[in-house]
Structure formats: structure tokens, C-alpha cells
Amino acid sequence: MSMSTTITVKLDNEVKEKLDELSQQIHRPKNWIINKALTEYIDRNNLARVVEKARQHCLLANQQDESDWDQFAAEAWEDV
């Protein structure tokens, strides 16, 4: 069984109303919806950072001499 913790958040009234409606429509508790939404947001944010880091490394790689590639690649993976 996974552990959980309780937190308090302040929602705009419009968001709260939409959350209430969605909860009723899909027959899921609001905490389930919030947990799924936060998990997806965090995963997307982490992926976006990895993609940006990879883009930066590709741009730098294009500026590197091929003889420096092994060292460059090793350093790049340390940052990810």
C-alpha cells in the first residue's frame, strides 16, 4: 500500500466548481482527480526539462570537435 499525506490547497472558485462537476461525472473522489492531475503535471514538467537539456546538449555537440565527443557525451549524461 502506498503512503499518502494530507495537504491543504486554495483553489479559485471556478476550478473548485469544475472539480466538483468532474468528480460527479466520472464517479471519482476529488483527491483522486487532483492526485492524477498533479502527477501528470509533474511528469510533463520533468520531461520538458529533460528535452530542453537534450536540446542544449545537441546544440553544444554541434559546436564540438569530433575528437572531444566522448568527453562531451559523458559530461552531458551527468547533467540529465
N, C-alpha and C. Protein backbone atom coordinates (compact mmCIF):
# COMPACT_ATOMS: atom_id res chain seq x y z
N MET A 1 0.84 -1.18 0.00
CA MET A 1 0.00 0.00 0.00
C MET A 1 0.88 1.24 0.00
N SER A 2 0.60 2.18 -0.90
CA SER A 2 1.42 3.38 -0.98
C SER A 2 1.05 4.34 0.14
N MET A 3 2.04 5.07 0.59
CA MET A 3 1.81 6.04 1.65
C MET A 3 1.22 7.31 1.06
N SER A 4 0.49 8.03 1.88
CA SER A 4 -0.07 9.30 1.43
C SER A 4 0.05 10.32 2.55
N THR A 5 -0.12 11.56 2.18
CA THR A 5 -0.09 12.64 3.14
C THR A 5 -1.20 13.62 2.79
N THR A 6 -1.61 14.38 3.75
CA THR A 6 -2.68 15.35 3.54
C THR A 6 -2.07 16.74 3.43
N ILE A 7 -2.52 17.50 2.43
CA ILE A 7 -2.11 18.88 2.28
C ILE A 7 -3.36 19.73 2.06
N THR A 8 -3.22 21.01 2.25
CA THR A 8 -4.31 21.94 2.01
C THR A 8 -3.93 22.84 0.85
N VAL A 9 -4.88 23.02 -0.06
CA VAL A 9 -4.64 23.93 -1.19
C VAL A 9 -5.79 24.92 -1.27
N LYS A 10 -5.50 26.07 -1.84
CA LYS A 10 -6.51 27.09 -2.06
C LYS A 10 -6.80 27.13 -3.55
N LEU A 11 -8.06 26.88 -3.92
CA LEU A 11 -8.46 26.84 -5.32
C LEU A 11 -9.34 28.04 -5.65
N ASP A 12 -9.23 28.51 -6.88
CA ASP A 12 -10.18 29.51 -7.37
C ASP A 12 -11.56 28.86 -7.38
N ASN A 13 -12.59 29.65 -7.18
CA ASN A 13 -13.96 29.11 -7.15
C ASN A 13 -14.31 28.37 -8.43
N GLU A 14 -13.89 28.91 -9.57
CA GLU A 14 -14.19 28.27 -10.85
C GLU A 14 -13.54 26.89 -10.95
N VAL A 15 -12.30 26.78 -10.50
CA VAL A 15 -11.60 25.49 -10.52
C VAL A 15 -12.31 24.51 -9.58
N LYS A 16 -12.69 24.97 -8.41
CA LYS A 16 -13.40 24.11 -7.45
C LYS A 16 -14.70 23.59 -8.04
N GLU A 17 -15.46 24.47 -8.71
CA GLU A 17 -16.73 24.06 -9.32
C GLU A 17 -16.50 23.01 -10.41
N LYS A 18 -15.48 23.24 -11.23
CA LYS A 18 -15.17 22.28 -12.29
C LYS A 18 -14.71 20.94 -11.71
N LEU A 19 -13.95 21.01 -10.63
CA LEU A 19 -13.50 19.79 -9.96
C LEU A 19 -14.70 19.02 -9.40
N ASP A 20 -15.63 19.74 -8.77
CA ASP A 20 -16.84 19.10 -8.24
C ASP A 20 -17.63 18.42 -9.35
N GLU A 21 -17.80 19.12 -10.47
CA GLU A 21 -18.55 18.56 -11.60
C GLU A 21 -17.87 17.32 -12.16
N LEU A 22 -16.57 17.40 -12.36
CA LEU A 22 -15.84 16.27 -12.91
C LEU A 22 -15.91 15.07 -11.96
N SER A 23 -15.77 15.33 -10.69
CA SER A 23 -15.84 14.26 -9.70
C SER A 23 -17.17 13.51 -9.79
N GLN A 24 -18.24 14.25 -9.94
CA GLN A 24 -19.56 13.63 -10.06
C GLN A 24 -19.70 12.89 -11.39
N GLN A 25 -19.19 13.48 -12.46
CA GLN A 25 -19.33 12.87 -13.79
C GLN A 25 -18.59 11.55 -13.91
N ILE A 26 -17.40 11.47 -13.35
CA ILE A 26 -16.60 10.26 -13.53
C ILE A 26 -16.63 9.34 -12.30
N HIS A 27 -17.41 9.76 -11.31
CA HIS A 27 -17.58 8.94 -10.10
C HIS A 27 -16.25 8.61 -9.43
N ARG A 28 -15.44 9.63 -9.30
CA ARG A 28 -14.16 9.50 -8.61
C ARG A 28 -14.07 10.61 -7.57
N PRO A 29 -13.39 10.35 -6.46
CA PRO A 29 -13.22 11.40 -5.46
C PRO A 29 -12.32 12.53 -5.96
N LYS A 30 -12.54 13.70 -5.41
CA LYS A 30 -11.75 14.87 -5.84
C LYS A 30 -10.26 14.67 -5.58
N ASN A 31 -9.92 14.02 -4.47
CA ASN A 31 -8.49 13.82 -4.19
C ASN A 31 -7.85 12.92 -5.26
N TRP A 32 -8.61 11.97 -5.82
CA TRP A 32 -8.09 11.10 -6.88
C TRP A 32 -7.78 11.93 -8.12
N ILE A 33 -8.71 12.83 -8.48
CA ILE A 33 -8.52 13.68 -9.66
C ILE A 33 -7.32 14.61 -9.47
N ILE A 34 -7.23 15.21 -8.30
CA ILE A 34 -6.13 16.13 -8.02
C ILE A 34 -4.79 15.39 -8.05
N ASN A 35 -4.75 14.20 -7.47
CA ASN A 35 -3.51 13.41 -7.47
C ASN A 35 -3.09 13.06 -8.90
N LYS A 36 -4.05 12.63 -9.72
CA LYS A 36 -3.74 12.30 -11.12
C LYS A 36 -3.25 13.53 -11.87
N ALA A 37 -3.93 14.66 -11.67
CA ALA A 37 -3.56 15.89 -12.37
C ALA A 37 -2.16 16.36 -11.98
N LEU A 38 -1.86 16.33 -10.69
CA LEU A 38 -0.53 16.75 -10.24
C LEU A 38 0.56 15.81 -10.73
N THR A 39 0.27 14.52 -10.70
CA THR A 39 1.24 13.54 -11.19
C THR A 39 1.55 13.78 -12.66
N GLU A 40 0.51 13.99 -13.46
CA GLU A 40 0.72 14.24 -14.89
C GLU A 40 1.47 15.55 -15.11
N TYR A 41 1.14 16.59 -14.37
CA TYR A 41 1.82 17.88 -14.50
C TYR A 41 3.31 17.74 -14.17
N ILE A 42 3.60 17.06 -13.07
CA ILE A 42 4.99 16.87 -12.66
C ILE A 42 5.76 16.05 -13.69
N ASP A 43 5.14 14.97 -14.19
CA ASP A 43 5.79 14.14 -15.21
C ASP A 43 6.08 14.95 -16.47
N ARG A 44 5.11 15.74 -16.91
CA ARG A 44 5.32 16.57 -18.11
C ARG A 44 6.41 17.60 -17.88
N ASN A 45 6.43 18.20 -16.70
CA ASN A 45 7.44 19.20 -16.38
C ASN A 45 8.82 18.57 -16.38
N ASN A 46 8.95 17.40 -15.79
CA ASN A 46 10.24 16.70 -15.77
C ASN A 46 10.67 16.34 -17.19
N LEU A 47 9.74 15.86 -18.01
CA LEU A 47 10.06 15.52 -19.38
C LEU A 47 10.49 16.76 -20.16
N ALA A 48 9.79 17.86 -19.95
CA ALA A 48 10.14 19.10 -20.64
C ALA A 48 11.56 19.54 -20.28
N ARG A 49 11.93 19.38 -19.02
CA ARG A 49 13.30 19.75 -18.62
C ARG A 49 14.33 18.84 -19.25
N VAL A 50 14.04 17.55 -19.33
CA VAL A 50 14.97 16.60 -19.96
C VAL A 50 15.10 16.92 -21.44
N VAL A 51 13.98 17.20 -22.10
CA VAL A 51 14.02 17.53 -23.53
C VAL A 51 14.82 18.81 -23.76
N GLU A 52 14.62 19.81 -22.92
CA GLU A 52 15.37 21.06 -23.07
C GLU A 52 16.86 20.83 -22.84
N LYS A 53 17.19 20.02 -21.85
CA LYS A 53 18.59 19.72 -21.58
C LYS A 53 19.21 18.97 -22.77
N ALA A 54 18.46 18.04 -23.34
CA ALA A 54 18.95 17.31 -24.51
C ALA A 54 19.15 18.25 -25.69
N ARG A 55 18.21 19.19 -25.87
CA ARG A 55 18.33 20.17 -26.96
C ARG A 55 19.59 21.00 -26.78
N GLN A 56 19.82 21.45 -25.55
CA GLN A 56 21.02 22.24 -25.27
C GLN A 56 22.29 21.45 -25.56
N HIS A 57 22.29 20.18 -25.17
CA HIS A 57 23.46 19.34 -25.41
C HIS A 57 23.67 19.09 -26.91
N CYS A 58 22.59 18.95 -27.65
CA CYS A 58 22.72 18.78 -29.10
C CYS A 58 23.32 20.02 -29.75
N LEU A 59 22.85 21.18 -29.30
CA LEU A 59 23.39 22.42 -29.84
C LEU A 59 24.88 22.55 -29.52
N LEU A 60 25.24 22.19 -28.30
CA LEU A 60 26.66 22.23 -27.92
C LEU A 60 27.47 21.18 -28.68
N ALA A 61 26.86 20.02 -28.90
CA ALA A 61 27.56 18.95 -29.61
C ALA A 61 27.91 19.38 -31.02
N ASN A 62 27.04 20.16 -31.63
CA ASN A 62 27.31 20.63 -32.98
C ASN A 62 28.49 21.58 -33.02
N GLN A 63 28.82 22.16 -31.88
CA GLN A 63 29.94 23.08 -31.81
C GLN A 63 31.24 22.38 -31.41
N GLN A 64 31.16 21.10 -31.02
CA GLN A 64 32.32 20.37 -30.54
C GLN A 64 33.08 19.72 -31.69
N ASP A 65 34.35 19.61 -31.52
CA ASP A 65 35.20 18.86 -32.43
C ASP A 65 34.94 17.38 -32.17
N GLU A 66 34.92 16.56 -33.21
CA GLU A 66 34.63 15.12 -33.04
C GLU A 66 35.58 14.46 -32.06
N SER A 67 36.80 14.91 -31.96
CA SER A 67 37.75 14.30 -31.05
C SER A 67 37.35 14.51 -29.59
N ASP A 68 36.52 15.52 -29.32
CA ASP A 68 36.06 15.80 -27.96
C ASP A 68 34.74 15.11 -27.64
N TRP A 69 34.18 14.37 -28.59
CA TRP A 69 32.82 13.84 -28.43
C TRP A 69 32.65 12.93 -27.23
N ASP A 70 33.58 11.98 -27.00
CA ASP A 70 33.43 11.05 -25.88
C ASP A 70 33.36 11.79 -24.54
N GLN A 71 34.25 12.73 -24.36
CA GLN A 71 34.25 13.52 -23.12
C GLN A 71 32.97 14.34 -23.02
N PHE A 72 32.56 14.96 -24.12
CA PHE A 72 31.34 15.77 -24.13
C PHE A 72 30.12 14.93 -23.78
N ALA A 73 30.00 13.75 -24.38
CA ALA A 73 28.85 12.88 -24.14
C ALA A 73 28.80 12.44 -22.68
N ALA A 74 29.94 12.10 -22.12
CA ALA A 74 29.98 11.67 -20.72
C ALA A 74 29.53 12.80 -19.80
N GLU A 75 29.97 14.01 -20.06
CA GLU A 75 29.58 15.16 -19.25
C GLU A 75 28.09 15.47 -19.42
N ALA A 76 27.59 15.32 -20.63
CA ALA A 76 26.18 15.62 -20.90
C ALA A 76 25.27 14.70 -20.12
N TRP A 77 25.59 13.42 -20.06
CA TRP A 77 24.74 12.46 -19.34
C TRP A 77 24.79 12.68 -17.84
N GLU A 78 25.85 13.25 -17.34
CA GLU A 78 25.93 13.54 -15.91
C GLU A 78 24.87 14.57 -15.51
N ASP A 79 24.52 15.47 -16.43
CA ASP A 79 23.56 16.55 -16.14
C ASP A 79 22.12 16.10 -16.20
N VAL A 80 21.84 14.97 -16.86
CA VAL A 80 20.44 14.56 -17.07
C VAL A 80 19.92 13.82 -15.87
